[in-house]
C-alpha atoms as a PDB file:
ATOM      1  CA  MET A   1      20.725 -10.068  -8.440  1.00  0.00           C
ATOM      2  CA  PHE A   2      18.139  -7.416  -9.309  1.00  0.00           C
ATOM      3  CA  TRP A   3      20.121  -4.709  -7.521  1.00  0.00           C
ATOM      4  CA  ARG A   4      23.299  -5.596  -9.428  1.00  0.00           C
ATOM      5  CA  ALA A   5      21.424  -5.279 -12.722  1.00  0.00           C
ATOM      6  CA  LEU A   6      19.719  -2.019 -11.750  1.00  0.00           C
ATOM      7  CA  GLN A   7      22.432   0.001 -10.031  1.00  0.00           C
ATOM      8  CA  PRO A   8      24.516   0.872 -13.117  1.00  0.00           C
ATOM      9  CA  PHE A   9      21.517   2.821 -14.440  1.00  0.00           C
ATOM     10  CA  LEU A  10      21.008   4.882 -11.264  1.00  0.00           C
ATOM     11  CA  ASP A  11      22.447   8.276 -10.509  1.00  0.00           C
ATOM     12  CA  PRO A  12      25.186   7.941  -7.850  1.00  0.00           C
ATOM     13  CA  VAL A  13      23.265  10.226  -5.467  1.00  0.00           C
ATOM     14  CA  THR A  14      20.161   8.055  -5.791  1.00  0.00           C
ATOM     15  CA  LYS A  15      22.193   4.859  -5.436  1.00  0.00           C
ATOM     16  CA  ALA A  16      23.695   6.160  -2.190  1.00  0.00           C
ATOM     17  CA  LYS A  17      20.184   6.539  -0.713  1.00  0.00           C
ATOM     18  CA  VAL A  18      19.283   2.860  -1.127  1.00  0.00           C
ATOM     19  CA  ALA A  19      19.621   0.636   1.933  1.00  0.00           C
ATOM     20  CA  PHE A  20      18.692  -3.007   2.357  1.00  0.00           C
ATOM     21  CA  ALA A  21      17.468  -4.284   5.709  1.00  0.00           C
ATOM     22  CA  THR A  22      17.455  -7.972   6.564  1.00  0.00           C
ATOM     23  CA  SER A  23      15.910  -7.803  10.042  1.00  0.00           C
ATOM     24  CA  GLU A  24      13.238  -5.842  11.878  1.00  0.00           C
ATOM     25  CA  ALA A  25      15.937  -4.124  13.916  1.00  0.00           C
ATOM     26  CA  GLU A  26      17.651  -2.905  10.740  1.00  0.00           C
ATOM     27  CA  VAL A  27      14.314  -1.668   9.383  1.00  0.00           C
ATOM     28  CA  ARG A  28      13.651   0.257  12.616  1.00  0.00           C
ATOM     29  CA  ASP A  29      17.136   1.752  12.600  1.00  0.00           C
ATOM     30  CA  ALA A  30      16.776   2.831   8.970  1.00  0.00           C
ATOM     31  CA  ILE A  31      13.282   4.331   9.311  1.00  0.00           C
ATOM     32  CA  ARG A  32      13.415   6.091  12.695  1.00  0.00           C
ATOM     33  CA  PRO A  33      15.645   9.016  11.629  1.00  0.00           C
ATOM     34  CA  HIS A  34      13.238   9.865   8.809  1.00  0.00           C
ATOM     35  CA  MET A  35       9.815   9.325  10.387  1.00  0.00           C
ATOM     36  CA  GLY A  36       8.372  10.288  13.734  1.00  0.00           C
ATOM     37  CA  ALA A  37       7.184   7.717  16.262  1.00  0.00           C
ATOM     38  CA  ASP A  38       3.632   9.059  15.893  1.00  0.00           C
ATOM     39  CA  VAL A  39       3.363   7.699  12.321  1.00  0.00           C
ATOM     40  CA  LEU A  40       5.219   4.403  12.782  1.00  0.00           C
ATOM     41  CA  TYR A  41       3.568   1.180  13.866  1.00  0.00           C
ATOM     42  CA  ALA A  42       4.717  -0.306  17.173  1.00  0.00           C
ATOM     43  CA  SER A  43       6.373  -3.228  15.376  1.00  0.00           C
ATOM     44  CA  LEU A  44       8.653  -0.687  13.699  1.00  0.00           C
ATOM     45  CA  GLY A  45       9.449   1.144  16.929  1.00  0.00           C
ATOM     46  CA  GLY A  46       6.659   3.712  16.755  1.00  0.00           C
ATOM     47  CA  ASP A  47       3.694   4.662  18.880  1.00  0.00           C
ATOM     48  CA  LYS A  48       0.835   3.596  16.563  1.00  0.00           C
ATOM     49  CA  ALA A  49      -0.974   0.351  17.254  1.00  0.00           C
ATOM     50  CA  ASP A  50      -0.106  -2.261  14.654  1.00  0.00           C
ATOM     51  CA  ALA A  51      -2.644  -2.519  11.861  1.00  0.00           C
ATOM     52  CA  THR A  52      -5.030  -5.442  11.735  1.00  0.00           C
ATOM     53  CA  PHE A  53      -7.031  -6.816   8.840  1.00  0.00           C
ATOM     54  CA  ASP A  54     -10.686  -7.714   9.206  1.00  0.00           C
ATOM     55  CA  GLY A  55     -11.165 -10.270   6.408  1.00  0.00           C
ATOM     56  CA  PRO A  56     -14.931 -10.824   6.813  1.00  0.00           C
ATOM     57  CA  GLY A  57     -15.548  -7.090   7.201  1.00  0.00           C
ATOM     58  CA  HIS A  58     -13.520  -6.362   4.082  1.00  0.00           C
ATOM     59  CA  ALA A  59     -15.413  -9.040   2.139  1.00  0.00           C
ATOM     60  CA  GLN A  60     -18.695  -7.465   3.213  1.00  0.00           C
ATOM     61  CA  PHE A  61     -17.473  -4.019   2.146  1.00  0.00           C
ATOM     62  CA  MET A  62     -16.353  -5.317  -1.260  1.00  0.00           C
ATOM     63  CA  GLN A  63     -19.667  -7.117  -1.838  1.00  0.00           C
ATOM     64  CA  ALA A  64     -21.556  -3.889  -1.103  1.00  0.00           C
ATOM     65  CA  ALA A  65     -19.251  -1.952  -3.438  1.00  0.00           C
ATOM     66  CA  GLU A  66     -19.824  -4.533  -6.177  1.00  0.00           C
ATOM     67  CA  GLY A  67     -23.587  -4.190  -5.692  1.00  0.00           C
ATOM     68  CA  ARG A  68     -23.333  -0.404  -6.122  1.00  0.00           C
ATOM     69  CA  ARG A  69     -21.174  -0.827  -9.215  1.00  0.00           C
ATOM     70  CA  ALA A  70     -23.565  -3.357 -10.760  1.00  0.00           C
ATOM     71  CA  ALA A  71     -26.493  -1.013 -10.127  1.00  0.00           C
ATOM     72  CA  LYS A  72     -24.686   1.841 -11.896  1.00  0.00           C
ATOM     73  CA  VAL A  73     -23.853  -0.394 -14.859  1.00  0.00           C
ATOM     74  CA  ALA A  74     -27.457  -1.557 -15.109  1.00  0.00           C
ATOM     75  CA  ALA A  75     -28.706   2.052 -14.970  1.00  0.00           C
ATOM     76  CA  ALA A  76     -26.270   3.090 -17.705  1.00  0.00           C
ATOM     77  CA  ALA A  77     -27.307   0.111 -19.852  1.00  0.00           C
ATOM     78  CA  ALA A  78     -30.978   1.054 -19.420  1.00  0.00           C
ATOM     79  CA  ILE A  79     -30.265   4.634 -20.528  1.00  0.00           C
ATOM     80  CA  LEU A  80     -28.369   3.405 -23.591  1.00  0.00           C
ATOM     81  CA  ALA A  81     -31.123   0.932 -24.453  1.00  0.00           C
ATOM     82  CA  ALA A  82     -33.743   3.694 -24.195  1.00  0.00           C
ATOM     83  CA  GLU A  83     -31.751   5.868 -26.593  1.00  0.00           C
ATOM     84  CA  GLU A  84     -31.748   3.198 -29.321  1.00  0.00           C
END
């Protein structure tokens, strides 16, 4: 539906570059000619190990980043309060 609404506004050269893949095999076949195996994940037919997500590690990282941000905000607020 979206593609039918969008395609009349695209240049024919651009429209010809669009491909839809409905399976992993189609994705691999579409990507491989354009990207080397060294940059593709194994699930896409490449040599790189598939990415994993460390939820607890990410949460810890984000909490530390929030602590640094809060400290910067507090420091800026103290400077502004001192200027008043």
